[in-house]
Amino acid sequence: MAGLRLVLLNCLSLRGLLKMKFCPKCGSILMPKGKFLVCSCGYKEAATETKVSEKAKDEDHKIEVAEAGSGDVRSVVEEQCPKCGHMKCYTWEIQMRAADEPATRFFECQKCHHKWRDQR
């Protein structure tokens, strides 16, 4: 919720609807707490006419699901099957390792359904 608050404050500030105060010690946004504006570094000052509100939207997201038998939704590429030599196969990627590592690419032959992973 802190990220939403910061985005909301920045948007309102850009429109001139809100005047934000920043900590003179560390530069963070001063947040109201009771009758004071406080910072996480410990700085505190008296608040004057402070009003903060948070709004969050719950949006309905529609997800379309492919029905069984409605056709394959995987990508088709030209890659030679190591088992039968067919040149068309399905491909997909899965993040198997850490996020800073590349995703593992998998293939499935359209003809013999042999599955293998990219060795690059």
PDB file of N, CA and C in Angstrom:
ATOM      1  N   MET A   1       0.827  -1.195   0.000  1.00  0.00           N
ATOM      2  CA  MET A   1       0.000   0.000   0.000  1.00  0.00           C
ATOM      3  C   MET A   1       0.871   1.258   0.000  1.00  0.00           C
ATOM      4  N   ALA A   2       2.114   1.136   0.506  1.00  0.00           N
ATOM      5  CA  ALA A   2       3.004   2.296   0.541  1.00  0.00           C
ATOM      6  C   ALA A   2       3.337   2.764  -0.868  1.00  0.00           C
ATOM      7  N   GLY A   3       3.510   1.804  -1.811  1.00  0.00           N
ATOM      8  CA  GLY A   3       3.794   2.167  -3.191  1.00  0.00           C
ATOM      9  C   GLY A   3       2.642   2.919  -3.821  1.00  0.00           C
ATOM     10  N   LEU A   4       1.410   2.468  -3.536  1.00  0.00           N
ATOM     11  CA  LEU A   4       0.216   3.150  -4.050  1.00  0.00           C
ATOM     12  C   LEU A   4       0.120   4.553  -3.471  1.00  0.00           C
ATOM     13  N   ARG A   5       0.425   4.691  -2.186  1.00  0.00           N
ATOM     14  CA  ARG A   5       0.377   6.001  -1.537  1.00  0.00           C
ATOM     15  C   ARG A   5       1.359   6.950  -2.197  1.00  0.00           C
ATOM     16  N   LEU A   6       2.585   6.472  -2.473  1.00  0.00           N
ATOM     17  CA  LEU A   6       3.600   7.310  -3.084  1.00  0.00           C
ATOM     18  C   LEU A   6       3.196   7.722  -4.489  1.00  0.00           C
ATOM     19  N   VAL A   7       2.665   6.798  -5.270  1.00  0.00           N
ATOM     20  CA  VAL A   7       2.210   7.121  -6.623  1.00  0.00           C
ATOM     21  C   VAL A   7       1.087   8.142  -6.571  1.00  0.00           C
ATOM     22  N   LEU A   8       0.118   7.942  -5.664  1.00  0.00           N
ATOM     23  CA  LEU A   8      -0.997   8.868  -5.521  1.00  0.00           C
ATOM     24  C   LEU A   8      -0.499  10.255  -5.125  1.00  0.00           C
ATOM     25  N   LEU A   9       0.428  10.316  -4.178  1.00  0.00           N
ATOM     26  CA  LEU A   9       0.969  11.604  -3.749  1.00  0.00           C
ATOM     27  C   LEU A   9       1.718  12.286  -4.888  1.00  0.00           C
ATOM     28  N   ASN A  10       2.510  11.525  -5.644  1.00  0.00           N
ATOM     29  CA  ASN A  10       3.249  12.107  -6.758  1.00  0.00           C
ATOM     30  C   ASN A  10       2.300  12.622  -7.835  1.00  0.00           C
ATOM     31  N   CYS A  11       1.252  11.868  -8.167  1.00  0.00           N
ATOM     32  CA  CYS A  11       0.287  12.311  -9.177  1.00  0.00           C
ATOM     33  C   CYS A  11      -0.426  13.578  -8.742  1.00  0.00           C
ATOM     34  N   LEU A  12      -0.864  13.611  -7.504  1.00  0.00           N
ATOM     35  CA  LEU A  12      -1.561  14.790  -7.007  1.00  0.00           C
ATOM     36  C   LEU A  12      -0.634  15.990  -6.950  1.00  0.00           C
ATOM     37  N   SER A  13       0.615  15.768  -6.585  1.00  0.00           N
ATOM     38  CA  SER A  13       1.579  16.847  -6.513  1.00  0.00           C
ATOM     39  C   SER A  13       1.828  17.440  -7.891  1.00  0.00           C
ATOM     40  N   LEU A  14       1.925  16.593  -8.912  1.00  0.00           N
ATOM     41  CA  LEU A  14       2.155  17.079 -10.272  1.00  0.00           C
ATOM     42  C   LEU A  14       0.988  17.911 -10.768  1.00  0.00           C
ATOM     43  N   ARG A  15      -0.205  17.619 -10.316  1.00  0.00           N
ATOM     44  CA  ARG A  15      -1.393  18.376 -10.739  1.00  0.00           C
ATOM     45  C   ARG A  15      -1.590  19.634  -9.901  1.00  0.00           C
ATOM     46  N   GLY A  16      -0.760  19.837  -8.902  1.00  0.00           N
ATOM     47  CA  GLY A  16      -0.877  21.016  -8.058  1.00  0.00           C
ATOM     48  C   GLY A  16      -1.963  20.909  -7.011  1.00  0.00           C
ATOM     49  N   LEU A  17      -2.514  19.699  -6.799  1.00  0.00           N
ATOM     50  CA  LEU A  17      -3.576  19.516  -5.820  1.00  0.00           C
ATOM     51  C   LEU A  17      -3.042  19.263  -4.418  1.00  0.00           C
ATOM     52  N   LEU A  18      -1.789  18.942  -4.315  1.00  0.00           N
ATOM     53  CA  LEU A  18      -1.219  18.569  -3.027  1.00  0.00           C
ATOM     54  C   LEU A  18       0.174  19.147  -2.909  1.00  0.00           C
ATOM     55  N   LYS A  19       0.461  19.703  -1.755  1.00  0.00           N
ATOM     56  CA  LYS A  19       1.806  20.198  -1.509  1.00  0.00           C
ATOM     57  C   LYS A  19       2.467  19.236  -0.535  1.00  0.00           C
ATOM     58  N   MET A  20       3.497  18.560  -1.001  1.00  0.00           N
ATOM     59  CA  MET A  20       4.196  17.596  -0.163  1.00  0.00           C
ATOM     60  C   MET A  20       5.350  18.283   0.550  1.00  0.00           C
ATOM     61  N   LYS A  21       5.671  17.748   1.705  1.00  0.00           N
ATOM     62  CA  LYS A  21       6.835  18.232   2.442  1.00  0.00           C
ATOM     63  C   LYS A  21       7.830  17.097   2.515  1.00  0.00           C
ATOM     64  N   PHE A  22       9.093  17.441   2.393  1.00  0.00           N
ATOM     65  CA  PHE A  22      10.151  16.454   2.416  1.00  0.00           C
ATOM     66  C   PHE A  22      11.067  16.683   3.615  1.00  0.00           C
ATOM     67  N   CYS A  23      11.664  15.615   4.077  1.00  0.00           N
ATOM     68  CA  CYS A  23      12.565  15.658   5.225  1.00  0.00           C
ATOM     69  C   CYS A  23      13.842  16.411   4.850  1.00  0.00           C
ATOM     70  N   PRO A  24      14.242  17.417   5.648  1.00  0.00           N
ATOM     71  CA  PRO A  24      15.472  18.138   5.338  1.00  0.00           C
ATOM     72  C   PRO A  24      16.727  17.306   5.629  1.00  0.00           C
ATOM     73  N   LYS A  25      16.597  16.236   6.432  1.00  0.00           N
ATOM     74  CA  LYS A  25      17.750  15.398   6.766  1.00  0.00           C
ATOM     75  C   LYS A  25      18.048  14.370   5.677  1.00  0.00           C
ATOM     76  N   CYS A  26      16.990  13.612   5.251  1.00  0.00           N
ATOM     77  CA  CYS A  26      17.237  12.505   4.325  1.00  0.00           C
ATOM     78  C   CYS A  26      16.519  12.646   2.981  1.00  0.00           C
ATOM     79  N   GLY A  27      15.576  13.567   2.847  1.00  0.00           N
ATOM     80  CA  GLY A  27      14.891  13.795   1.582  1.00  0.00           C
ATOM     81  C   GLY A  27      13.642  12.957   1.366  1.00  0.00           C
ATOM     82  N   SER A  28      13.256  12.113   2.333  1.00  0.00           N
ATOM     83  CA  SER A  28      12.043  11.297   2.210  1.00  0.00           C
ATOM     84  C   SER A  28      10.796  12.149   2.392  1.00  0.00           C
ATOM     85  N   ILE A  29       9.650  11.618   1.949  1.00  0.00           N
ATOM     86  CA  ILE A  29       8.386  12.310   2.133  1.00  0.00           C
ATOM     87  C   ILE A  29       8.010  12.265   3.609  1.00  0.00           C
ATOM     88  N   LEU A  30       7.599  13.414   4.150  1.00  0.00           N
ATOM     89  CA  LEU A  30       7.121  13.463   5.533  1.00  0.00           C
ATOM     90  C   LEU A  30       5.676  12.993   5.561  1.00  0.00           C
ATOM     91  N   MET A  31       5.376  12.057   6.458  1.00  0.00           N
ATOM     92  CA  MET A  31       4.040  11.493   6.568  1.00  0.00           C
ATOM     93  C   MET A  31       3.378  11.990   7.856  1.00  0.00           C
ATOM     94  N   PRO A  32       2.063  12.267   7.814  1.00  0.00           N
ATOM     95  CA  PRO A  32       1.378  12.753   9.004  1.00  0.00           C
ATOM     96  C   PRO A  32       1.208  11.646  10.041  1.00  0.00           C
ATOM     97  N   LYS A  33       1.425  12.024  11.292  1.00  0.00           N
ATOM     98  CA  LYS A  33       1.198  11.123  12.423  1.00  0.00           C
ATOM     99  C   LYS A  33       0.721  12.000  13.573  1.00  0.00           C
ATOM    100  N   GLY A  34      -0.600  11.940  13.797  1.00  0.00           N
ATOM    101  CA  GLY A  34      -1.173  12.830  14.812  1.00  0.00           C
ATOM    102  C   GLY A  34      -1.076  14.266  14.347  1.00  0.00           C
ATOM    103  N   LYS A  35      -0.491  15.138  15.195  1.00  0.00           N
ATOM    104  CA  LYS A  35      -0.331  16.551  14.846  1.00  0.00           C
ATOM    105  C   LYS A  35       1.064  16.868  14.340  1.00  0.00           C
ATOM    106  N   PHE A  36       1.792  15.842  13.907  1.00  0.00           N
ATOM    107  CA  PHE A  36       3.159  16.021  13.434  1.00  0.00           C
ATOM    108  C   PHE A  36       3.345  15.394  12.056  1.00  0.00           C
ATOM    109  N   LEU A  37       4.360  15.888  11.353  1.00  0.00           N
ATOM    110  CA  LEU A  37       4.836  15.251  10.132  1.00  0.00           C
ATOM    111  C   LEU A  37       6.130  14.546  10.517  1.00  0.00           C
ATOM    112  N   VAL A  38       6.194  13.241  10.271  1.00  0.00           N
ATOM    113  CA  VAL A  38       7.348  12.463  10.716  1.00  0.00           C
ATOM    114  C   VAL A  38       8.012  11.763   9.529  1.00  0.00           C
ATOM    115  N   CYS A  39       9.272  11.416   9.749  1.00  0.00           N
ATOM    116  CA  CYS A  39      10.064  10.720   8.756  1.00  0.00           C
ATOM    117  C   CYS A  39      10.628   9.457   9.392  1.00  0.00           C
ATOM    118  N   SER A  40      10.949   8.475   8.590  1.00  0.00           N
ATOM    119  CA  SER A  40      11.500   7.220   9.099  1.00  0.00           C
ATOM    120  C   SER A  40      12.892   7.403   9.692  1.00  0.00           C
ATOM    121  N   CYS A  41      13.574   8.497   9.353  1.00  0.00           N
ATOM    122  CA  CYS A  41      14.908   8.739   9.910  1.00  0.00           C
ATOM    123  C   CYS A  41      14.839   9.347  11.308  1.00  0.00           C
ATOM    124  N   GLY A  42      13.633   9.711  11.763  1.00  0.00           N
ATOM    125  CA  GLY A  42      13.469  10.267  13.104  1.00  0.00           C
ATOM    126  C   GLY A  42      13.121  11.747  13.131  1.00  0.00           C
ATOM    127  N   TYR A  43      13.210  12.422  11.994  1.00  0.00           N
ATOM    128  CA  TYR A  43      12.876  13.845  11.939  1.00  0.00           C
ATOM    129  C   TYR A  43      11.384  14.035  12.185  1.00  0.00           C
ATOM    130  N   LYS A  44      11.031  15.137  12.879  1.00  0.00           N
ATOM    131  CA  LYS A  44       9.634  15.412  13.213  1.00  0.00           C
ATOM    132  C   LYS A  44       9.422  16.922  13.216  1.00  0.00           C
ATOM    133  N   GLU A  45       8.272  17.362  12.656  1.00  0.00           N
ATOM    134  CA  GLU A  45       7.912  18.790  12.707  1.00  0.00           C
ATOM    135  C   GLU A  45       6.402  18.913  12.869  1.00  0.00           C
ATOM    136  N   ALA A  46       5.956  20.064  13.347  1.00  0.00           N
ATOM    137  CA  ALA A  46       4.529  20.301  13.567  1.00  0.00           C
ATOM    138  C   ALA A  46       3.806  20.361  12.223  1.00  0.00           C
ATOM    139  N   ALA A  47       2.634  19.734  12.157  1.00  0.00           N
ATOM    140  CA  ALA A  47       1.843  19.711  10.927  1.00  0.00           C
ATOM    141  C   ALA A  47       0.885  20.882  10.892  1.00  0.00           C
ATOM    142  N   THR A  48       0.672  21.425   9.708  1.00  0.00           N
ATOM    143  CA  THR A  48      -0.305  22.496   9.531  1.00  0.00           C
ATOM    144  C   THR A  48      -1.227  22.089   8.393  1.00  0.00           C
ATOM    145  N   GLU A  49      -2.532  21.959   8.684  1.00  0.00           N
ATOM    146  CA  GLU A  49      -3.545  21.600   7.701  1.00  0.00           C
ATOM    147  C   GLU A  49      -3.144  20.370   6.865  1.00  0.00           C
ATOM    148  N   THR A  50      -2.916  19.273   7.528  1.00  0.00           N
ATOM    149  CA  THR A  50      -2.511  18.060   6.838  1.00  0.00           C
ATOM    150  C   THR A  50      -3.704  17.145   6.620  1.00  0.00           C
ATOM    151  N   LYS A  51      -3.866  16.690   5.391  1.00  0.00           N
ATOM    152  CA  LYS A  51      -4.929  15.748   5.070  1.00  0.00           C
ATOM    153  C   LYS A  51      -4.374  14.754   4.056  1.00  0.00           C
ATOM    154  N   VAL A  52      -4.440  13.463   4.402  1.00  0.00           N
ATOM    155  CA  VAL A  52      -3.968  12.409   3.513  1.00  0.00           C
ATOM    156  C   VAL A  52      -5.094  11.425   3.309  1.00  0.00           C
ATOM    157  N   SER A  53      -5.317  11.028   2.082  1.00  0.00           N
ATOM    158  CA  SER A  53      -6.317   9.998   1.816  1.00  0.00           C
ATOM    159  C   SER A  53      -5.727   8.978   0.850  1.00  0.00           C
ATOM    160  N   GLU A  54      -6.178   7.740   1.000  1.00  0.00           N
ATOM    161  CA  GLU A  54      -5.726   6.667   0.124  1.00  0.00           C
ATOM    162  C   GLU A  54      -6.932   6.085  -0.582  1.00  0.00           C
ATOM    163  N   LYS A  55      -6.762   5.806  -1.859  1.00  0.00           N
ATOM    164  CA  LYS A  55      -7.817   5.183  -2.624  1.00  0.00           C
ATOM    165  C   LYS A  55      -7.215   4.030  -3.411  1.00  0.00           C
ATOM    166  N   ALA A  56      -7.913   2.923  -3.415  1.00  0.00           N
ATOM    167  CA  ALA A  56      -7.486   1.770  -4.202  1.00  0.00           C
ATOM    168  C   ALA A  56      -8.671   1.290  -5.019  1.00  0.00           C
ATOM    169  N   LYS A  57      -8.407   0.938  -6.253  1.00  0.00           N
ATOM    170  CA  LYS A  57      -9.474   0.450  -7.121  1.00  0.00           C
ATOM    171  C   LYS A  57      -9.383  -1.057  -7.222  1.00  0.00           C
ATOM    172  N   ASP A  58     -10.513  -1.703  -7.091  1.00  0.00           N
ATOM    173  CA  ASP A  58     -10.602  -3.125  -7.369  1.00  0.00           C
ATOM    174  C   ASP A  58     -11.203  -3.259  -8.759  1.00  0.00           C
ATOM    175  N   GLU A  59     -10.384  -3.701  -9.682  1.00  0.00           N
ATOM    176  CA  GLU A  59     -10.851  -3.841 -11.057  1.00  0.00           C
ATOM    177  C   GLU A  59     -11.069  -5.316 -11.374  1.00  0.00           C
ATOM    178  N   ASP A  60     -12.153  -5.583 -12.068  1.00  0.00           N
ATOM    179  CA  ASP A  60     -12.405  -6.940 -12.514  1.00  0.00           C
ATOM    180  C   ASP A  60     -11.592  -7.188 -13.781  1.00  0.00           C
ATOM    181  N   HIS A  61     -10.793  -8.241 -13.743  1.00  0.00           N
ATOM    182  CA  HIS A  61     -10.011  -8.622 -14.914  1.00  0.00           C
ATOM    183  C   HIS A  61     -10.604  -9.889 -15.493  1.00  0.00           C
ATOM    184  N   LYS A  62     -10.887  -9.851 -16.778  1.00  0.00           N
ATOM    185  CA  LYS A  62     -11.440 -11.024 -17.443  1.00  0.00           C
ATOM    186  C   LYS A  62     -10.298 -11.859 -17.999  1.00  0.00           C
ATOM    187  N   ILE A  63     -10.349 -13.147 -17.733  1.00  0.00           N
ATOM    188  CA  ILE A  63      -9.343 -14.075 -18.225  1.00  0.00           C
ATOM    189  C   ILE A  63     -10.035 -15.072 -19.137  1.00  0.00           C
ATOM    190  N   GLU A  64      -9.535 -15.185 -20.344  1.00  0.00           N
ATOM    191  CA  GLU A  64     -10.103 -16.150 -21.271  1.00  0.00           C
ATOM    192  C   GLU A  64      -9.310 -17.445 -21.173  1.00  0.00           C
ATOM    193  N   VAL A  65     -10.008 -18.533 -21.029  1.00  0.00           N
ATOM    194  CA  VAL A  65      -9.386 -19.839 -20.909  1.00  0.00           C
ATOM    195  C   VAL A  65      -9.631 -20.618 -22.192  1.00  0.00           C
ATOM    196  N   ALA A  66      -8.570 -21.194 -22.727  1.00  0.00           N
ATOM    197  CA  ALA A  66      -8.715 -22.004 -23.938  1.00  0.00           C
ATOM    198  C   ALA A  66      -9.333 -23.335 -23.550  1.00  0.00           C
ATOM    199  N   GLU A  67     -10.411 -23.679 -24.202  1.00  0.00           N
ATOM    200  CA  GLU A  67     -11.104 -24.944 -23.929  1.00  0.00           C
ATOM    201  C   GLU A  67     -10.306 -26.108 -24.491  1.00  0.00           C
ATOM    202  N   ALA A  68     -10.425 -27.246 -23.840  1.00  0.00           N
ATOM    203  CA  ALA A  68      -9.760 -28.454 -24.325  1.00  0.00           C
ATOM    204  C   ALA A  68     -10.290 -28.789 -25.719  1.00  0.00           C
ATOM    205  N   GLY A  69      -9.402 -29.117 -26.622  1.00  0.00           N
ATOM    206  CA  GLY A  69      -9.807 -29.466 -27.975  1.00  0.00           C
ATOM    207  C   GLY A  69      -9.999 -28.271 -28.886  1.00  0.00           C
ATOM    208  N   SER A  70      -9.728 -27.050 -28.383  1.00  0.00           N
ATOM    209  CA  SER A  70      -9.936 -25.857 -29.212  1.00  0.00           C
ATOM    210  C   SER A  70      -8.697 -25.504 -30.022  1.00  0.00           C
ATOM    211  N   GLY A  71      -7.721 -26.401 -30.076  1.00  0.00           N
ATOM    212  CA  GLY A  71      -6.503 -26.134 -30.828  1.00  0.00           C
ATOM    213  C   GLY A  71      -5.361 -25.811 -29.884  1.00  0.00           C
ATOM    214  N   ASP A  72      -4.153 -25.978 -30.364  1.00  0.00           N
ATOM    215  CA  ASP A  72      -2.975 -25.729 -29.537  1.00  0.00           C
ATOM    216  C   ASP A  72      -2.628 -24.244 -29.580  1.00  0.00           C
ATOM    217  N   VAL A  73      -2.312 -23.659 -28.453  1.00  0.00           N
ATOM    218  CA  VAL A  73      -2.015 -22.237 -28.380  1.00  0.00           C
ATOM    219  C   VAL A  73      -0.519 -21.969 -28.287  1.00  0.00           C
ATOM    220  N   ARG A  74       0.304 -23.017 -28.338  1.00  0.00           N
ATOM    221  CA  ARG A  74       1.752 -22.843 -28.281  1.00  0.00           C
ATOM    222  C   ARG A  74       2.295 -22.360 -29.625  1.00  0.00           C
ATOM    223  N   SER A  75       3.461 -21.717 -29.595  1.00  0.00           N
ATOM    224  CA  SER A  75       4.113 -21.241 -30.818  1.00  0.00           C
ATOM    225  C   SER A  75       4.713 -22.409 -31.582  1.00  0.00           C
ATOM    226  N   VAL A  76       4.726 -22.286 -32.900  1.00  0.00           N
ATOM    227  CA  VAL A  76       5.343 -23.301 -33.758  1.00  0.00           C
ATOM    228  C   VAL A  76       6.576 -22.670 -34.393  1.00  0.00           C
ATOM    229  N   VAL A  77       7.718 -23.370 -34.297  1.00  0.00           N
ATOM    230  CA  VAL A  77       8.975 -22.883 -34.875  1.00  0.00           C
ATOM    231  C   VAL A  77       9.605 -23.980 -35.710  1.00  0.00           C
ATOM    232  N   GLU A  78      10.562 -23.575 -36.560  1.00  0.00           N
ATOM    233  CA  GLU A  78      11.310 -24.556 -37.344  1.00  0.00           C
ATOM    234  C   GLU A  78      12.548 -24.945 -36.551  1.00  0.00           C
ATOM    235  N   GLU A  79      12.524 -26.116 -35.978  1.00  0.00           N
ATOM    236  CA  GLU A  79      13.633 -26.674 -35.207  1.00  0.00           C
ATOM    237  C   GLU A  79      13.617 -28.170 -35.481  1.00  0.00           C
ATOM    238  N   GLN A  80      14.768 -28.762 -35.747  1.00  0.00           N
ATOM    239  CA  GLN A  80      14.823 -30.176 -36.107  1.00  0.00           C
ATOM    240  C   GLN A  80      14.720 -31.054 -34.863  1.00  0.00           C
ATOM    241  N   CYS A  81      13.807 -32.007 -34.915  1.00  0.00           N
ATOM    242  CA  CYS A  81      13.631 -32.972 -33.822  1.00  0.00           C
ATOM    243  C   CYS A  81      14.837 -33.904 -33.795  1.00  0.00           C
ATOM    244  N   PRO A  82      15.491 -34.064 -32.636  1.00  0.00           N
ATOM    245  CA  PRO A  82      16.648 -34.957 -32.581  1.00  0.00           C
ATOM    246  C   PRO A  82      16.276 -36.435 -32.706  1.00  0.00           C
ATOM    247  N   LYS A  83      15.005 -36.769 -32.542  1.00  0.00           N
ATOM    248  CA  LYS A  83      14.572 -38.172 -32.592  1.00  0.00           C
ATOM    249  C   LYS A  83      14.158 -38.599 -34.008  1.00  0.00           C
ATOM    250  N   CYS A  84      13.267 -37.808 -34.646  1.00  0.00           N
ATOM    251  CA  CYS A  84      12.736 -38.222 -35.958  1.00  0.00           C
ATOM    252  C   CYS A  84      13.186 -37.322 -37.107  1.00  0.00           C
ATOM    253  N   GLY A  85      13.773 -36.153 -36.819  1.00  0.00           N
ATOM    254  CA  GLY A  85      14.258 -35.254 -37.862  1.00  0.00           C
ATOM    255  C   GLY A  85      13.216 -34.310 -38.435  1.00  0.00           C
ATOM    256  N   HIS A  86      11.971 -34.353 -37.932  1.00  0.00           N
ATOM    257  CA  HIS A  86      10.906 -33.452 -38.398  1.00  0.00           C
ATOM    258  C   HIS A  86      11.309 -32.008 -38.099  1.00  0.00           C
ATOM    259  N   MET A  87      10.954 -31.074 -38.987  1.00  0.00           N
ATOM    260  CA  MET A  87      11.426 -29.687 -38.853  1.00  0.00           C
ATOM    261  C   MET A  87      10.449 -28.717 -38.197  1.00  0.00           C
ATOM    262  N   LYS A  88       9.296 -29.165 -37.725  1.00  0.00           N
ATOM    263  CA  LYS A  88       8.348 -28.259 -37.064  1.00  0.00           C
ATOM    264  C   LYS A  88       8.092 -28.776 -35.649  1.00  0.00           C
ATOM    265  N   CYS A  89       8.137 -27.818 -34.700  1.00  0.00           N
ATOM    266  CA  CYS A  89       7.880 -28.212 -33.313  1.00  0.00           C
ATOM    267  C   CYS A  89       7.235 -27.053 -32.556  1.00  0.00           C
ATOM    268  N   TYR A  90       6.567 -27.405 -31.466  1.00  0.00           N
ATOM    269  CA  TYR A  90       5.997 -26.412 -30.558  1.00  0.00           C
ATOM    270  C   TYR A  90       7.105 -25.935 -29.634  1.00  0.00           C
ATOM    271  N   THR A  91       6.984 -24.721 -29.136  1.00  0.00           N
ATOM    272  CA  THR A  91       7.978 -24.204 -28.203  1.00  0.00           C
ATOM    273  C   THR A  91       7.303 -23.407 -27.098  1.00  0.00           C
ATOM    274  N   TRP A  92       7.924 -23.398 -25.910  1.00  0.00           N
ATOM    275  CA  TRP A  92       7.475 -22.602 -24.774  1.00  0.00           C
ATOM    276  C   TRP A  92       8.661 -22.383 -23.858  1.00  0.00           C
ATOM    277  N   GLU A  93       8.568 -21.379 -22.996  1.00  0.00           N
ATOM    278  CA  GLU A  93       9.647 -21.051 -22.061  1.00  0.00           C
ATOM    279  C   GLU A  93       9.141 -21.115 -20.631  1.00  0.00           C
ATOM    280  N   ILE A  94      10.026 -21.560 -19.727  1.00  0.00           N
ATOM    281  CA  ILE A  94       9.722 -21.590 -18.295  1.00  0.00           C
ATOM    282  C   ILE A  94      10.922 -21.024 -17.550  1.00  0.00           C
ATOM    283  N   GLN A  95      10.671 -20.160 -16.568  1.00  0.00           N
ATOM    284  CA  GLN A  95      11.737 -19.602 -15.739  1.00  0.00           C
ATOM    285  C   GLN A  95      12.081 -20.633 -14.668  1.00  0.00           C
ATOM    286  N   MET A  96      13.148 -21.399 -14.882  1.00  0.00           N
ATOM    287  CA  MET A  96      13.514 -22.502 -13.990  1.00  0.00           C
ATOM    288  C   MET A  96      14.498 -22.067 -12.909  1.00  0.00           C
ATOM    289  N   ARG A  97      15.308 -21.056 -13.213  1.00  0.00           N
ATOM    290  CA  ARG A  97      16.361 -20.629 -12.294  1.00  0.00           C
ATOM    291  C   ARG A  97      16.025 -19.238 -11.760  1.00  0.00           C
ATOM    292  N   ALA A  98      17.010 -18.565 -11.232  1.00  0.00           N
ATOM    293  CA  ALA A  98      16.820 -17.222 -10.680  1.00  0.00           C
ATOM    294  C   ALA A  98      16.372 -16.255 -11.783  1.00  0.00           C
ATOM    295  N   ALA A  99      15.768 -15.156 -11.376  1.00  0.00           N
ATOM    296  CA  ALA A  99      15.217 -14.189 -12.335  1.00  0.00           C
ATOM    297  C   ALA A  99      16.296 -13.551 -13.204  1.00  0.00           C
ATOM    298  N   ASP A 100      17.535 -13.491 -12.713  1.00  0.00           N
ATOM    299  CA  ASP A 100      18.592 -12.881 -13.521  1.00  0.00           C
ATOM    300  C   ASP A 100      19.212 -13.876 -14.509  1.00  0.00           C
ATOM    301  N   GLU A 101      18.757 -15.113 -14.515  1.00  0.00           N
ATOM    302  CA  GLU A 101      19.193 -16.123 -15.470  1.00  0.00           C
ATOM    303  C   GLU A 101      18.166 -16.216 -16.601  1.00  0.00           C
ATOM    304  N   PRO A 102      18.588 -16.622 -17.788  1.00  0.00           N
ATOM    305  CA  PRO A 102      17.614 -16.735 -18.882  1.00  0.00           C
ATOM    306  C   PRO A 102      16.632 -17.876 -18.650  1.00  0.00           C
ATOM    307  N   ALA A 103      15.461 -17.760 -19.248  1.00  0.00           N
ATOM    308  CA  ALA A 103      14.438 -18.806 -19.142  1.00  0.00           C
ATOM    309  C   ALA A 103      14.875 -20.030 -19.944  1.00  0.00           C
ATOM    310  N   THR A 104      14.404 -21.206 -19.530  1.00  0.00           N
ATOM    311  CA  THR A 104      14.693 -22.447 -20.247  1.00  0.00           C
ATOM    312  C   THR A 104      13.657 -22.618 -21.340  1.00  0.00           C
ATOM    313  N   ARG A 105      14.112 -22.897 -22.555  1.00  0.00           N
ATOM    314  CA  ARG A 105      13.222 -23.043 -23.707  1.00  0.00           C
ATOM    315  C   ARG A 105      13.008 -24.531 -23.985  1.00  0.00           C
ATOM    316  N   PHE A 106      11.752 -24.924 -24.115  1.00  0.00           N
ATOM    317  CA  PHE A 106      11.393 -26.313 -24.371  1.00  0.00           C
ATOM    318  C   PHE A 106      10.793 -26.453 -25.762  1.00  0.00           C
ATOM    319  N   PHE A 107      10.948 -27.660 -26.336  1.00  0.00           N
ATOM    320  CA  PHE A 107      10.400 -27.968 -27.650  1.00  0.00           C
ATOM    321  C   PHE A 107       9.649 -29.287 -27.581  1.00  0.00           C
ATOM    322  N   GLU A 108       8.629 -29.426 -28.456  1.00  0.00           N
ATOM    323  CA  GLU A 108       7.927 -30.694 -28.633  1.00  0.00           C
ATOM    324  C   GLU A 108       7.680 -30.883 -30.121  1.00  0.00           C
ATOM    325  N   CYS A 109       8.146 -32.024 -30.642  1.00  0.00           N
ATOM    326  CA  CYS A 109       7.984 -32.325 -32.059  1.00  0.00           C
ATOM    327  C   CYS A 109       6.505 -32.500 -32.382  1.00  0.00           C
ATOM    328  N   GLN A 110       6.061 -31.891 -33.497  1.00  0.00           N
ATOM    329  CA  GLN A 110       4.660 -32.030 -33.927  1.00  0.00           C
ATOM    330  C   GLN A 110       4.355 -33.447 -34.401  1.00  0.00           C
ATOM    331  N   LYS A 111       5.363 -34.141 -34.908  1.00  0.00           N
ATOM    332  CA  LYS A 111       5.140 -35.457 -35.501  1.00  0.00           C
ATOM    333  C   LYS A 111       5.204 -36.580 -34.458  1.00  0.00           C
ATOM    334  N   CYS A 112       6.326 -36.683 -33.722  1.00  0.00           N
ATOM    335  CA  CYS A 112       6.503 -37.818 -32.801  1.00  0.00           C
ATOM    336  C   CYS A 112       6.284 -37.440 -31.333  1.00  0.00           C
ATOM    337  N   HIS A 113       6.045 -36.165 -31.036  1.00  0.00           N
ATOM    338  CA  HIS A 113       5.776 -35.637 -29.697  1.00  0.00           C
ATOM    339  C   HIS A 113       6.951 -35.810 -28.723  1.00  0.00           C
ATOM    340  N   HIS A 114       8.170 -35.948 -29.276  1.00  0.00           N
ATOM    341  CA  HIS A 114       9.376 -36.000 -28.445  1.00  0.00           C
ATOM    342  C   HIS A 114       9.599 -34.606 -27.847  1.00  0.00           C
ATOM    343  N   LYS A 115       9.948 -34.546 -26.558  1.00  0.00           N
ATOM    344  CA  LYS A 115      10.191 -33.263 -25.878  1.00  0.00           C
ATOM    345  C   LYS A 115      11.659 -33.153 -25.507  1.00  0.00           C
ATOM    346  N   TRP A 116      12.215 -31.943 -25.688  1.00  0.00           N
ATOM    347  CA  TRP A 116      13.593 -31.677 -25.291  1.00  0.00           C
ATOM    348  C   TRP A 116      13.733 -30.211 -24.932  1.00  0.00           C
ATOM    349  N   ARG A 117      14.873 -29.908 -24.309  1.00  0.00           N
ATOM    350  CA  ARG A 117      15.115 -28.534 -23.902  1.00  0.00           C
ATOM    351  C   ARG A 117      16.250 -27.936 -24.714  1.00  0.00           C
ATOM    352  N   ASP A 118      16.241 -26.613 -24.854  1.00  0.00           N
ATOM    353  CA  ASP A 118      17.258 -25.899 -25.622  1.00  0.00           C
ATOM    354  C   ASP A 118      18.599 -26.029 -24.920  1.00  0.00           C
ATOM    355  N   GLN A 119      19.646 -26.388 -25.645  1.00  0.00           N
ATOM    356  CA  GLN A 119      20.968 -26.583 -25.051  1.00  0.00           C
ATOM    357  C   GLN A 119      21.880 -25.374 -25.246  1.00  0.00           C
ATOM    358  N   ARG A 120      21.320 -24.233 -25.610  1.00  0.00           N
ATOM    359  CA  ARG A 120      22.133 -23.030 -25.834  1.00  0.00           C
ATOM    360  C   ARG A 120      22.440 -22.327 -24.547  1.00  0.00           C
TER     361      ARG A 120
END
